[in-house]
Amino acid sequence: MSNYNTITVEELKSRLDAGERIHLIDVREDEEVAQGMIPGAVHLPLGQVPQQLGAIPKEEEVVFICRSGYRSDQACQYLASIGYKGVANMIGGMLAWNQLEP
């Protein structure tokens, strides 16, 4: 089984609000990200991840985001299985993020 981290939306928001610079990759499809993304996130649809490995830091923390946490979990499993060290799945995805108080 592959090892990777998880992060809650509350923890991520707190770290971003504190000014921490975190690599964020949103693996949703174009029509989903058109409805809004976390500021600073990079859009990289899940299906393109294997072709875009060079765009993903291998040794640094990278938080993956999707609608509910399922596709970002798939991205984390895949990347951890090929040696990426800092991947983390945002639990609950944008559904949970959008429930946060402004």
PDB file of N, CA and C in Angstrom:
ATOM      1  N   MET A   1       0.837  -1.187   0.000  1.00  0.00           N
ATOM      2  CA  MET A   1       0.000   0.000   0.000  1.00  0.00           C
ATOM      3  C   MET A   1       0.882   1.251   0.000  1.00  0.00           C
ATOM      4  N   SER A   2       0.495   2.230  -0.775  1.00  0.00           N
ATOM      5  CA  SER A   2       1.263   3.460  -0.895  1.00  0.00           C
ATOM      6  C   SER A   2       1.023   4.372   0.307  1.00  0.00           C
ATOM      7  N   ASN A   3       2.057   5.116   0.650  1.00  0.00           N
ATOM      8  CA  ASN A   3       1.941   6.065   1.753  1.00  0.00           C
ATOM      9  C   ASN A   3       1.847   7.480   1.230  1.00  0.00           C
ATOM     10  N   TYR A   4       0.844   8.190   1.677  1.00  0.00           N
ATOM     11  CA  TYR A   4       0.722   9.618   1.380  1.00  0.00           C
ATOM     12  C   TYR A   4      -0.122  10.246   2.464  1.00  0.00           C
ATOM     13  N   ASN A   5      -0.062  11.572   2.522  1.00  0.00           N
ATOM     14  CA  ASN A   5      -0.732  12.307   3.587  1.00  0.00           C
ATOM     15  C   ASN A   5      -2.133  12.744   3.177  1.00  0.00           C
ATOM     16  N   THR A   6      -2.876  13.172   4.170  1.00  0.00           N
ATOM     17  CA  THR A   6      -4.158  13.823   3.935  1.00  0.00           C
ATOM     18  C   THR A   6      -4.125  15.151   4.680  1.00  0.00           C
ATOM     19  N   ILE A   7      -4.971  16.071   4.240  1.00  0.00           N
ATOM     20  CA  ILE A   7      -5.076  17.364   4.897  1.00  0.00           C
ATOM     21  C   ILE A   7      -6.549  17.762   4.887  1.00  0.00           C
ATOM     22  N   THR A   8      -7.006  18.320   5.996  1.00  0.00           N
ATOM     23  CA  THR A   8      -8.391  18.776   6.049  1.00  0.00           C
ATOM     24  C   THR A   8      -8.487  20.154   5.407  1.00  0.00           C
ATOM     25  N   VAL A   9      -9.681  20.539   4.999  1.00  0.00           N
ATOM     26  CA  VAL A   9      -9.867  21.865   4.415  1.00  0.00           C
ATOM     27  C   VAL A   9      -9.565  22.952   5.453  1.00  0.00           C
ATOM     28  N   GLU A  10      -9.902  22.686   6.706  1.00  0.00           N
ATOM     29  CA  GLU A  10      -9.638  23.662   7.760  1.00  0.00           C
ATOM     30  C   GLU A  10      -8.133  23.876   7.943  1.00  0.00           C
ATOM     31  N   GLU A  11      -7.385  22.777   7.948  1.00  0.00           N
ATOM     32  CA  GLU A  11      -5.934  22.878   8.103  1.00  0.00           C
ATOM     33  C   GLU A  11      -5.308  23.608   6.912  1.00  0.00           C
ATOM     34  N   LEU A  12      -5.747  23.270   5.711  1.00  0.00           N
ATOM     35  CA  LEU A  12      -5.202  23.927   4.521  1.00  0.00           C
ATOM     36  C   LEU A  12      -5.519  25.418   4.540  1.00  0.00           C
ATOM     37  N   LYS A  13      -6.770  25.775   4.835  1.00  0.00           N
ATOM     38  CA  LYS A  13      -7.144  27.195   4.860  1.00  0.00           C
ATOM     39  C   LYS A  13      -6.334  27.949   5.899  1.00  0.00           C
ATOM     40  N   SER A  14      -6.145  27.360   7.054  1.00  0.00           N
ATOM     41  CA  SER A  14      -5.366  27.993   8.111  1.00  0.00           C
ATOM     42  C   SER A  14      -3.929  28.243   7.656  1.00  0.00           C
ATOM     43  N   ARG A  15      -3.329  27.263   7.012  1.00  0.00           N
ATOM     44  CA  ARG A  15      -1.953  27.409   6.536  1.00  0.00           C
ATOM     45  C   ARG A  15      -1.863  28.454   5.426  1.00  0.00           C
ATOM     46  N   LEU A  16      -2.829  28.468   4.519  1.00  0.00           N
ATOM     47  CA  LEU A  16      -2.832  29.469   3.446  1.00  0.00           C
ATOM     48  C   LEU A  16      -3.055  30.863   4.020  1.00  0.00           C
ATOM     49  N   ASP A  17      -3.979  30.983   4.970  1.00  0.00           N
ATOM     50  CA  ASP A  17      -4.250  32.278   5.608  1.00  0.00           C
ATOM     51  C   ASP A  17      -3.022  32.802   6.346  1.00  0.00           C
ATOM     52  N   ALA A  18      -2.174  31.894   6.823  1.00  0.00           N
ATOM     53  CA  ALA A  18      -0.953  32.280   7.530  1.00  0.00           C
ATOM     54  C   ALA A  18       0.157  32.670   6.555  1.00  0.00           C
ATOM     55  N   GLY A  19      -0.137  32.583   5.261  1.00  0.00           N
ATOM     56  CA  GLY A  19       0.839  32.994   4.264  1.00  0.00           C
ATOM     57  C   GLY A  19       1.764  31.889   3.785  1.00  0.00           C
ATOM     58  N   GLU A  20       1.492  30.664   4.184  1.00  0.00           N
ATOM     59  CA  GLU A  20       2.333  29.552   3.757  1.00  0.00           C
ATOM     60  C   GLU A  20       2.135  29.304   2.261  1.00  0.00           C
ATOM     61  N   ARG A  21       3.233  29.091   1.566  1.00  0.00           N
ATOM     62  CA  ARG A  21       3.161  28.797   0.135  1.00  0.00           C
ATOM     63  C   ARG A  21       3.140  27.274  -0.035  1.00  0.00           C
ATOM     64  N   ILE A  22       2.039  26.777  -0.557  1.00  0.00           N
ATOM     65  CA  ILE A  22       1.836  25.337  -0.710  1.00  0.00           C
ATOM     66  C   ILE A  22       1.494  25.067  -2.168  1.00  0.00           C
ATOM     67  N   HIS A  23       2.105  24.026  -2.731  1.00  0.00           N
ATOM     68  CA  HIS A  23       1.742  23.629  -4.089  1.00  0.00           C
ATOM     69  C   HIS A  23       0.346  23.007  -4.046  1.00  0.00           C
ATOM     70  N   LEU A  24      -0.573  23.560  -4.822  1.00  0.00           N
ATOM     71  CA  LEU A  24      -1.944  23.051  -4.912  1.00  0.00           C
ATOM     72  C   LEU A  24      -2.209  22.652  -6.352  1.00  0.00           C
ATOM     73  N   ILE A  25      -2.671  21.426  -6.562  1.00  0.00           N
ATOM     74  CA  ILE A  25      -3.022  20.972  -7.902  1.00  0.00           C
ATOM     75  C   ILE A  25      -4.459  20.480  -7.884  1.00  0.00           C
ATOM     76  N   ASP A  26      -5.282  21.111  -8.726  1.00  0.00           N
ATOM     77  CA  ASP A  26      -6.701  20.778  -8.843  1.00  0.00           C
ATOM     78  C   ASP A  26      -6.860  19.824 -10.025  1.00  0.00           C
ATOM     79  N   VAL A  27      -7.313  18.596  -9.759  1.00  0.00           N
ATOM     80  CA  VAL A  27      -7.398  17.572 -10.801  1.00  0.00           C
ATOM     81  C   VAL A  27      -8.796  17.437 -11.403  1.00  0.00           C
ATOM     82  N   ARG A  28      -9.666  18.430 -11.136  1.00  0.00           N
ATOM     83  CA  ARG A  28     -11.013  18.376 -11.720  1.00  0.00           C
ATOM     84  C   ARG A  28     -10.969  18.715 -13.204  1.00  0.00           C
ATOM     85  N   GLU A  29     -12.092  18.516 -13.865  1.00  0.00           N
ATOM     86  CA  GLU A  29     -12.201  18.816 -15.291  1.00  0.00           C
ATOM     87  C   GLU A  29     -12.461  20.303 -15.508  1.00  0.00           C
ATOM     88  N   ASP A  30     -12.290  20.755 -16.756  1.00  0.00           N
ATOM     89  CA  ASP A  30     -12.404  22.175 -17.102  1.00  0.00           C
ATOM     90  C   ASP A  30     -13.708  22.802 -16.615  1.00  0.00           C
ATOM     91  N   GLU A  31     -14.825  22.119 -16.855  1.00  0.00           N
ATOM     92  CA  GLU A  31     -16.124  22.707 -16.495  1.00  0.00           C
ATOM     93  C   GLU A  31     -16.282  22.821 -14.979  1.00  0.00           C
ATOM     94  N   GLU A  32     -15.592  21.974 -14.233  1.00  0.00           N
ATOM     95  CA  GLU A  32     -15.665  22.055 -12.774  1.00  0.00           C
ATOM     96  C   GLU A  32     -14.834  23.225 -12.241  1.00  0.00           C
ATOM     97  N   VAL A  33     -13.619  23.397 -12.765  1.00  0.00           N
ATOM     98  CA  VAL A  33     -12.779  24.487 -12.269  1.00  0.00           C
ATOM     99  C   VAL A  33     -13.329  25.842 -12.704  1.00  0.00           C
ATOM    100  N   ALA A  34     -14.140  25.861 -13.753  1.00  0.00           N
ATOM    101  CA  ALA A  34     -14.767  27.118 -14.180  1.00  0.00           C
ATOM    102  C   ALA A  34     -15.683  27.663 -13.095  1.00  0.00           C
ATOM    103  N   GLN A  35     -16.131  26.801 -12.187  1.00  0.00           N
ATOM    104  CA  GLN A  35     -17.008  27.219 -11.088  1.00  0.00           C
ATOM    105  C   GLN A  35     -16.216  27.752  -9.897  1.00  0.00           C
ATOM    106  N   GLY A  36     -14.902  27.721  -9.991  1.00  0.00           N
ATOM    107  CA  GLY A  36     -14.067  28.274  -8.933  1.00  0.00           C
ATOM    108  C   GLY A  36     -13.002  27.316  -8.459  1.00  0.00           C
ATOM    109  N   MET A  37     -11.850  27.913  -8.128  1.00  0.00           N
ATOM    110  CA  MET A  37     -10.710  27.150  -7.621  1.00  0.00           C
ATOM    111  C   MET A  37     -10.171  27.848  -6.380  1.00  0.00           C
ATOM    112  N   ILE A  38      -9.393  27.129  -5.605  1.00  0.00           N
ATOM    113  CA  ILE A  38      -8.692  27.729  -4.482  1.00  0.00           C
ATOM    114  C   ILE A  38      -7.617  28.646  -5.071  1.00  0.00           C
ATOM    115  N   PRO A  39      -7.537  29.898  -4.614  1.00  0.00           N
ATOM    116  CA  PRO A  39      -6.529  30.810  -5.148  1.00  0.00           C
ATOM    117  C   PRO A  39      -5.120  30.214  -5.058  1.00  0.00           C
ATOM    118  N   GLY A  40      -4.397  30.281  -6.167  1.00  0.00           N
ATOM    119  CA  GLY A  40      -3.043  29.755  -6.211  1.00  0.00           C
ATOM    120  C   GLY A  40      -2.944  28.328  -6.717  1.00  0.00           C
ATOM    121  N   ALA A  41      -4.081  27.650  -6.853  1.00  0.00           N
ATOM    122  CA  ALA A  41      -4.057  26.266  -7.341  1.00  0.00           C
ATOM    123  C   ALA A  41      -3.763  26.242  -8.844  1.00  0.00           C
ATOM    124  N   VAL A  42      -3.115  25.166  -9.267  1.00  0.00           N
ATOM    125  CA  VAL A  42      -2.831  24.918 -10.677  1.00  0.00           C
ATOM    126  C   VAL A  42      -3.813  23.859 -11.161  1.00  0.00           C
ATOM    127  N   HIS A  43      -4.392  24.079 -12.327  1.00  0.00           N
ATOM    128  CA  HIS A  43      -5.339  23.114 -12.887  1.00  0.00           C
ATOM    129  C   HIS A  43      -4.584  22.072 -13.710  1.00  0.00           C
ATOM    130  N   LEU A  44      -4.727  20.802 -13.319  1.00  0.00           N
ATOM    131  CA  LEU A  44      -4.122  19.687 -14.046  1.00  0.00           C
ATOM    132  C   LEU A  44      -5.105  18.516 -13.968  1.00  0.00           C
ATOM    133  N   PRO A  45      -5.968  18.360 -14.989  1.00  0.00           N
ATOM    134  CA  PRO A  45      -6.964  17.285 -14.934  1.00  0.00           C
ATOM    135  C   PRO A  45      -6.323  15.925 -14.642  1.00  0.00           C
ATOM    136  N   LEU A  46      -7.019  15.113 -13.879  1.00  0.00           N
ATOM    137  CA  LEU A  46      -6.508  13.814 -13.446  1.00  0.00           C
ATOM    138  C   LEU A  46      -5.949  13.000 -14.613  1.00  0.00           C
ATOM    139  N   GLY A  47      -6.645  12.974 -15.740  1.00  0.00           N
ATOM    140  CA  GLY A  47      -6.204  12.177 -16.877  1.00  0.00           C
ATOM    141  C   GLY A  47      -4.885  12.631 -17.470  1.00  0.00           C
ATOM    142  N   GLN A  48      -4.463  13.856 -17.169  1.00  0.00           N
ATOM    143  CA  GLN A  48      -3.207  14.377 -17.705  1.00  0.00           C
ATOM    144  C   GLN A  48      -2.031  14.215 -16.741  1.00  0.00           C
ATOM    145  N   VAL A  49      -2.293  13.777 -15.513  1.00  0.00           N
ATOM    146  CA  VAL A  49      -1.230  13.667 -14.515  1.00  0.00           C
ATOM    147  C   VAL A  49      -0.061  12.810 -15.011  1.00  0.00           C
ATOM    148  N   PRO A  50      -0.292  11.603 -15.572  1.00  0.00           N
ATOM    149  CA  PRO A  50       0.860  10.792 -15.993  1.00  0.00           C
ATOM    150  C   PRO A  50       1.736  11.465 -17.063  1.00  0.00           C
ATOM    151  N   GLN A  51       1.155  12.297 -17.905  1.00  0.00           N
ATOM    152  CA  GLN A  51       1.916  12.971 -18.947  1.00  0.00           C
ATOM    153  C   GLN A  51       2.584  14.250 -18.441  1.00  0.00           C
ATOM    154  N   GLN A  52       2.207  14.720 -17.259  1.00  0.00           N
ATOM    155  CA  GLN A  52       2.698  16.007 -16.748  1.00  0.00           C
ATOM    156  C   GLN A  52       3.528  15.850 -15.466  1.00  0.00           C
ATOM    157  N   LEU A  53       4.185  14.712 -15.310  1.00  0.00           N
ATOM    158  CA  LEU A  53       4.932  14.456 -14.076  1.00  0.00           C
ATOM    159  C   LEU A  53       5.996  15.523 -13.819  1.00  0.00           C
ATOM    160  N   GLY A  54       6.578  16.071 -14.885  1.00  0.00           N
ATOM    161  CA  GLY A  54       7.602  17.095 -14.730  1.00  0.00           C
ATOM    162  C   GLY A  54       7.083  18.374 -14.095  1.00  0.00           C
ATOM    163  N   ALA A  55       5.772  18.579 -14.132  1.00  0.00           N
ATOM    164  CA  ALA A  55       5.169  19.788 -13.564  1.00  0.00           C
ATOM    165  C   ALA A  55       4.815  19.612 -12.088  1.00  0.00           C
ATOM    166  N   ILE A  56       5.043  18.416 -11.556  1.00  0.00           N
ATOM    167  CA  ILE A  56       4.664  18.115 -10.176  1.00  0.00           C
ATOM    168  C   ILE A  56       5.938  17.920  -9.355  1.00  0.00           C
ATOM    169  N   PRO A  57       6.174  18.773  -8.342  1.00  0.00           N
ATOM    170  CA  PRO A  57       7.371  18.609  -7.510  1.00  0.00           C
ATOM    171  C   PRO A  57       7.404  17.217  -6.869  1.00  0.00           C
ATOM    172  N   LYS A  58       8.556  16.543  -6.977  1.00  0.00           N
ATOM    173  CA  LYS A  58       8.656  15.160  -6.508  1.00  0.00           C
ATOM    174  C   LYS A  58       8.973  15.048  -5.019  1.00  0.00           C
ATOM    175  N   GLU A  59       9.683  16.029  -4.477  1.00  0.00           N
ATOM    176  CA  GLU A  59      10.132  15.935  -3.084  1.00  0.00           C
ATOM    177  C   GLU A  59       9.412  16.920  -2.160  1.00  0.00           C
ATOM    178  N   GLU A  60       8.621  17.839  -2.714  1.00  0.00           N
ATOM    179  CA  GLU A  60       7.960  18.861  -1.900  1.00  0.00           C
ATOM    180  C   GLU A  60       6.503  18.476  -1.643  1.00  0.00           C
ATOM    181  N   GLU A  61       5.914  19.122  -0.640  1.00  0.00           N
ATOM    182  CA  GLU A  61       4.501  18.899  -0.365  1.00  0.00           C
ATOM    183  C   GLU A  61       3.655  19.437  -1.516  1.00  0.00           C
ATOM    184  N   VAL A  62       2.749  18.611  -2.000  1.00  0.00           N
ATOM    185  CA  VAL A  62       1.802  19.004  -3.045  1.00  0.00           C
ATOM    186  C   VAL A  62       0.429  18.509  -2.613  1.00  0.00           C
ATOM    187  N   VAL A  63      -0.529  19.432  -2.477  1.00  0.00           N
ATOM    188  CA  VAL A  63      -1.881  19.073  -2.076  1.00  0.00           C
ATOM    189  C   VAL A  63      -2.739  18.938  -3.329  1.00  0.00           C
ATOM    190  N   PHE A  64      -3.389  17.791  -3.455  1.00  0.00           N
ATOM    191  CA  PHE A  64      -4.264  17.525  -4.595  1.00  0.00           C
ATOM    192  C   PHE A  64      -5.716  17.740  -4.193  1.00  0.00           C
ATOM    193  N   ILE A  65      -6.458  18.352  -5.123  1.00  0.00           N
ATOM    194  CA  ILE A  65      -7.829  18.791  -4.863  1.00  0.00           C
ATOM    195  C   ILE A  65      -8.729  18.291  -5.989  1.00  0.00           C
ATOM    196  N   CYS A  66      -9.942  17.858  -5.636  1.00  0.00           N
ATOM    197  CA  CYS A  66     -10.961  17.560  -6.650  1.00  0.00           C
ATOM    198  C   CYS A  66     -12.313  17.959  -6.064  1.00  0.00           C
ATOM    199  N   ARG A  67     -13.382  17.420  -6.586  1.00  0.00           N
ATOM    200  CA  ARG A  67     -14.714  17.804  -6.120  1.00  0.00           C
ATOM    201  C   ARG A  67     -15.004  17.251  -4.731  1.00  0.00           C
ATOM    202  N   SER A  68     -14.746  15.949  -4.542  1.00  0.00           N
ATOM    203  CA  SER A  68     -15.120  15.310  -3.277  1.00  0.00           C
ATOM    204  C   SER A  68     -13.953  14.647  -2.548  1.00  0.00           C
ATOM    205  N   GLY A  69     -12.804  14.546  -3.195  1.00  0.00           N
ATOM    206  CA  GLY A  69     -11.659  13.887  -2.580  1.00  0.00           C
ATOM    207  C   GLY A  69     -11.331  12.545  -3.201  1.00  0.00           C
ATOM    208  N   TYR A  70     -12.170  12.044  -4.103  1.00  0.00           N
ATOM    209  CA  TYR A  70     -11.934  10.724  -4.695  1.00  0.00           C
ATOM    210  C   TYR A  70     -10.862  10.766  -5.783  1.00  0.00           C
ATOM    211  N   ARG A  71     -11.006  11.679  -6.736  1.00  0.00           N
ATOM    212  CA  ARG A  71     -10.012  11.747  -7.821  1.00  0.00           C
ATOM    213  C   ARG A  71      -8.657  12.217  -7.308  1.00  0.00           C
ATOM    214  N   SER A  72      -8.663  13.148  -6.356  1.00  0.00           N
ATOM    215  CA  SER A  72      -7.389  13.582  -5.787  1.00  0.00           C
ATOM    216  C   SER A  72      -6.731  12.426  -5.032  1.00  0.00           C
ATOM    217  N   ASP A  73      -7.526  11.565  -4.421  1.00  0.00           N
ATOM    218  CA  ASP A  73      -6.997  10.368  -3.769  1.00  0.00           C
ATOM    219  C   ASP A  73      -6.346   9.453  -4.797  1.00  0.00           C
ATOM    220  N   GLN A  74      -6.964   9.299  -5.956  1.00  0.00           N
ATOM    221  CA  GLN A  74      -6.385   8.476  -7.019  1.00  0.00           C
ATOM    222  C   GLN A  74      -5.042   9.052  -7.466  1.00  0.00           C
ATOM    223  N   ALA A  75      -4.982  10.373  -7.629  1.00  0.00           N
ATOM    224  CA  ALA A  75      -3.728  11.022  -8.027  1.00  0.00           C
ATOM    225  C   ALA A  75      -2.646  10.757  -6.986  1.00  0.00           C
ATOM    226  N   CYS A  76      -2.993  10.884  -5.706  1.00  0.00           N
ATOM    227  CA  CYS A  76      -2.026  10.649  -4.635  1.00  0.00           C
ATOM    228  C   CYS A  76      -1.536   9.211  -4.621  1.00  0.00           C
ATOM    229  N   GLN A  77      -2.456   8.266  -4.785  1.00  0.00           N
ATOM    230  CA  GLN A  77      -2.065   6.848  -4.813  1.00  0.00           C
ATOM    231  C   GLN A  77      -1.077   6.593  -5.939  1.00  0.00           C
ATOM    232  N   TYR A  78      -1.395   7.107  -7.125  1.00  0.00           N
ATOM    233  CA  TYR A  78      -0.540   6.902  -8.293  1.00  0.00           C
ATOM    234  C   TYR A  78       0.839   7.513  -8.067  1.00  0.00           C
ATOM    235  N   LEU A  79       0.878   8.772  -7.662  1.00  0.00           N
ATOM    236  CA  LEU A  79       2.161   9.460  -7.509  1.00  0.00           C
ATOM    237  C   LEU A  79       2.999   8.849  -6.388  1.00  0.00           C
ATOM    238  N   ALA A  80       2.371   8.489  -5.280  1.00  0.00           N
ATOM    239  CA  ALA A  80       3.116   7.849  -4.190  1.00  0.00           C
ATOM    240  C   ALA A  80       3.696   6.515  -4.651  1.00  0.00           C
ATOM    241  N   SER A  81       2.955   5.800  -5.508  1.00  0.00           N
ATOM    242  CA  SER A  81       3.425   4.488  -5.971  1.00  0.00           C
ATOM    243  C   SER A  81       4.647   4.589  -6.884  1.00  0.00           C
ATOM    244  N   ILE A  82       4.858   5.775  -7.475  1.00  0.00           N
ATOM    245  CA  ILE A  82       6.025   5.941  -8.356  1.00  0.00           C
ATOM    246  C   ILE A  82       7.098   6.819  -7.706  1.00  0.00           C
ATOM    247  N   GLY A  83       7.000   6.999  -6.392  1.00  0.00           N
ATOM    248  CA  GLY A  83       8.096   7.607  -5.658  1.00  0.00           C
ATOM    249  C   GLY A  83       7.954   9.067  -5.271  1.00  0.00           C
ATOM    250  N   TYR A  84       6.800   9.670  -5.489  1.00  0.00           N
ATOM    251  CA  TYR A  84       6.606  11.056  -5.052  1.00  0.00           C
ATOM    252  C   TYR A  84       6.440  11.072  -3.536  1.00  0.00           C
ATOM    253  N   LYS A  85       7.163  11.976  -2.873  1.00  0.00           N
ATOM    254  CA  LYS A  85       7.260  11.946  -1.409  1.00  0.00           C
ATOM    255  C   LYS A  85       6.240  12.815  -0.677  1.00  0.00           C
ATOM    256  N   GLY A  86       5.842  13.962  -1.237  1.00  0.00           N
ATOM    257  CA  GLY A  86       5.065  14.910  -0.459  1.00  0.00           C
ATOM    258  C   GLY A  86       3.612  15.055  -0.848  1.00  0.00           C
ATOM    259  N   VAL A  87       3.049  14.071  -1.554  1.00  0.00           N
ATOM    260  CA  VAL A  87       1.666  14.226  -2.001  1.00  0.00           C
ATOM    261  C   VAL A  87       0.697  14.128  -0.826  1.00  0.00           C
ATOM    262  N   ALA A  88      -0.350  14.951  -0.906  1.00  0.00           N
ATOM    263  CA  ALA A  88      -1.381  14.965   0.139  1.00  0.00           C
ATOM    264  C   ALA A  88      -2.739  15.163  -0.522  1.00  0.00           C
ATOM    265  N   ASN A  89      -3.731  14.455  -0.016  1.00  0.00           N
ATOM    266  CA  ASN A  89      -5.094  14.549  -0.526  1.00  0.00           C
ATOM    267  C   ASN A  89      -5.905  15.466   0.387  1.00  0.00           C
ATOM    268  N   MET A  90      -6.571  16.470  -0.211  1.00  0.00           N
ATOM    269  CA  MET A  90      -7.460  17.337   0.569  1.00  0.00           C
ATOM    270  C   MET A  90      -8.785  16.601   0.779  1.00  0.00           C
ATOM    271  N   ILE A  91      -9.032  16.229   2.012  1.00  0.00           N
ATOM    272  CA  ILE A  91     -10.217  15.445   2.372  1.00  0.00           C
ATOM    273  C   ILE A  91     -11.492  16.255   2.112  1.00  0.00           C
ATOM    274  N   GLY A  92     -12.442  15.642   1.426  1.00  0.00           N
ATOM    275  CA  GLY A  92     -13.734  16.278   1.190  1.00  0.00           C
ATOM    276  C   GLY A  92     -13.788  17.157  -0.044  1.00  0.00           C
ATOM    277  N   GLY A  93     -12.623  17.470  -0.610  1.00  0.00           N
ATOM    278  CA  GLY A  93     -12.566  18.233  -1.858  1.00  0.00           C
ATOM    279  C   GLY A  93     -13.212  19.601  -1.783  1.00  0.00           C
ATOM    280  N   MET A  94     -13.558  20.109  -2.954  1.00  0.00           N
ATOM    281  CA  MET A  94     -14.148  21.443  -3.040  1.00  0.00           C
ATOM    282  C   MET A  94     -15.525  21.503  -2.386  1.00  0.00           C
ATOM    283  N   LEU A  95     -16.215  20.366  -2.284  1.00  0.00           N
ATOM    284  CA  LEU A  95     -17.495  20.362  -1.571  1.00  0.00           C
ATOM    285  C   LEU A  95     -17.276  20.805  -0.131  1.00  0.00           C
ATOM    286  N   ALA A  96     -16.225  20.282   0.506  1.00  0.00           N
ATOM    287  CA  ALA A  96     -15.915  20.655   1.886  1.00  0.00           C
ATOM    288  C   ALA A  96     -15.350  22.075   1.944  1.00  0.00           C
ATOM    289  N   TRP A  97     -14.479  22.429   0.994  1.00  0.00           N
ATOM    290  CA  TRP A  97     -13.882  23.767   0.975  1.00  0.00           C
ATOM    291  C   TRP A  97     -14.970  24.843   0.897  1.00  0.00           C
ATOM    292  N   ASN A  98     -15.955  24.607   0.051  1.00  0.00           N
ATOM    293  CA  ASN A  98     -17.016  25.604  -0.143  1.00  0.00           C
ATOM    294  C   ASN A  98     -17.944  25.727   1.063  1.00  0.00           C
ATOM    295  N   GLN A  99     -17.855  24.791   2.016  1.00  0.00           N
ATOM    296  CA  GLN A  99     -18.646  24.865   3.241  1.00  0.00           C
ATOM    297  C   GLN A  99     -17.959  25.686   4.335  1.00  0.00           C
ATOM    298  N   LEU A 100     -16.678  26.044   4.105  1.00  0.00           N
ATOM    299  CA  LEU A 100     -15.951  26.828   5.100  1.00  0.00           C
ATOM    300  C   LEU A 100     -16.560  28.220   5.220  1.00  0.00           C
ATOM    301  N   GLU A 101     -16.479  28.761   6.404  1.00  0.00           N
ATOM    302  CA  GLU A 101     -16.923  30.143   6.617  1.00  0.00           C
ATOM    303  C   GLU A 101     -15.917  31.074   5.946  1.00  0.00           C
ATOM    304  N   PRO A 102     -16.383  32.127   5.308  1.00  0.00           N
ATOM    305  CA  PRO A 102     -15.459  33.061   4.634  1.00  0.00           C
ATOM    306  C   PRO A 102     -14.548  33.782   5.614  1.00  0.00           C
TER     307      PRO A 102
END
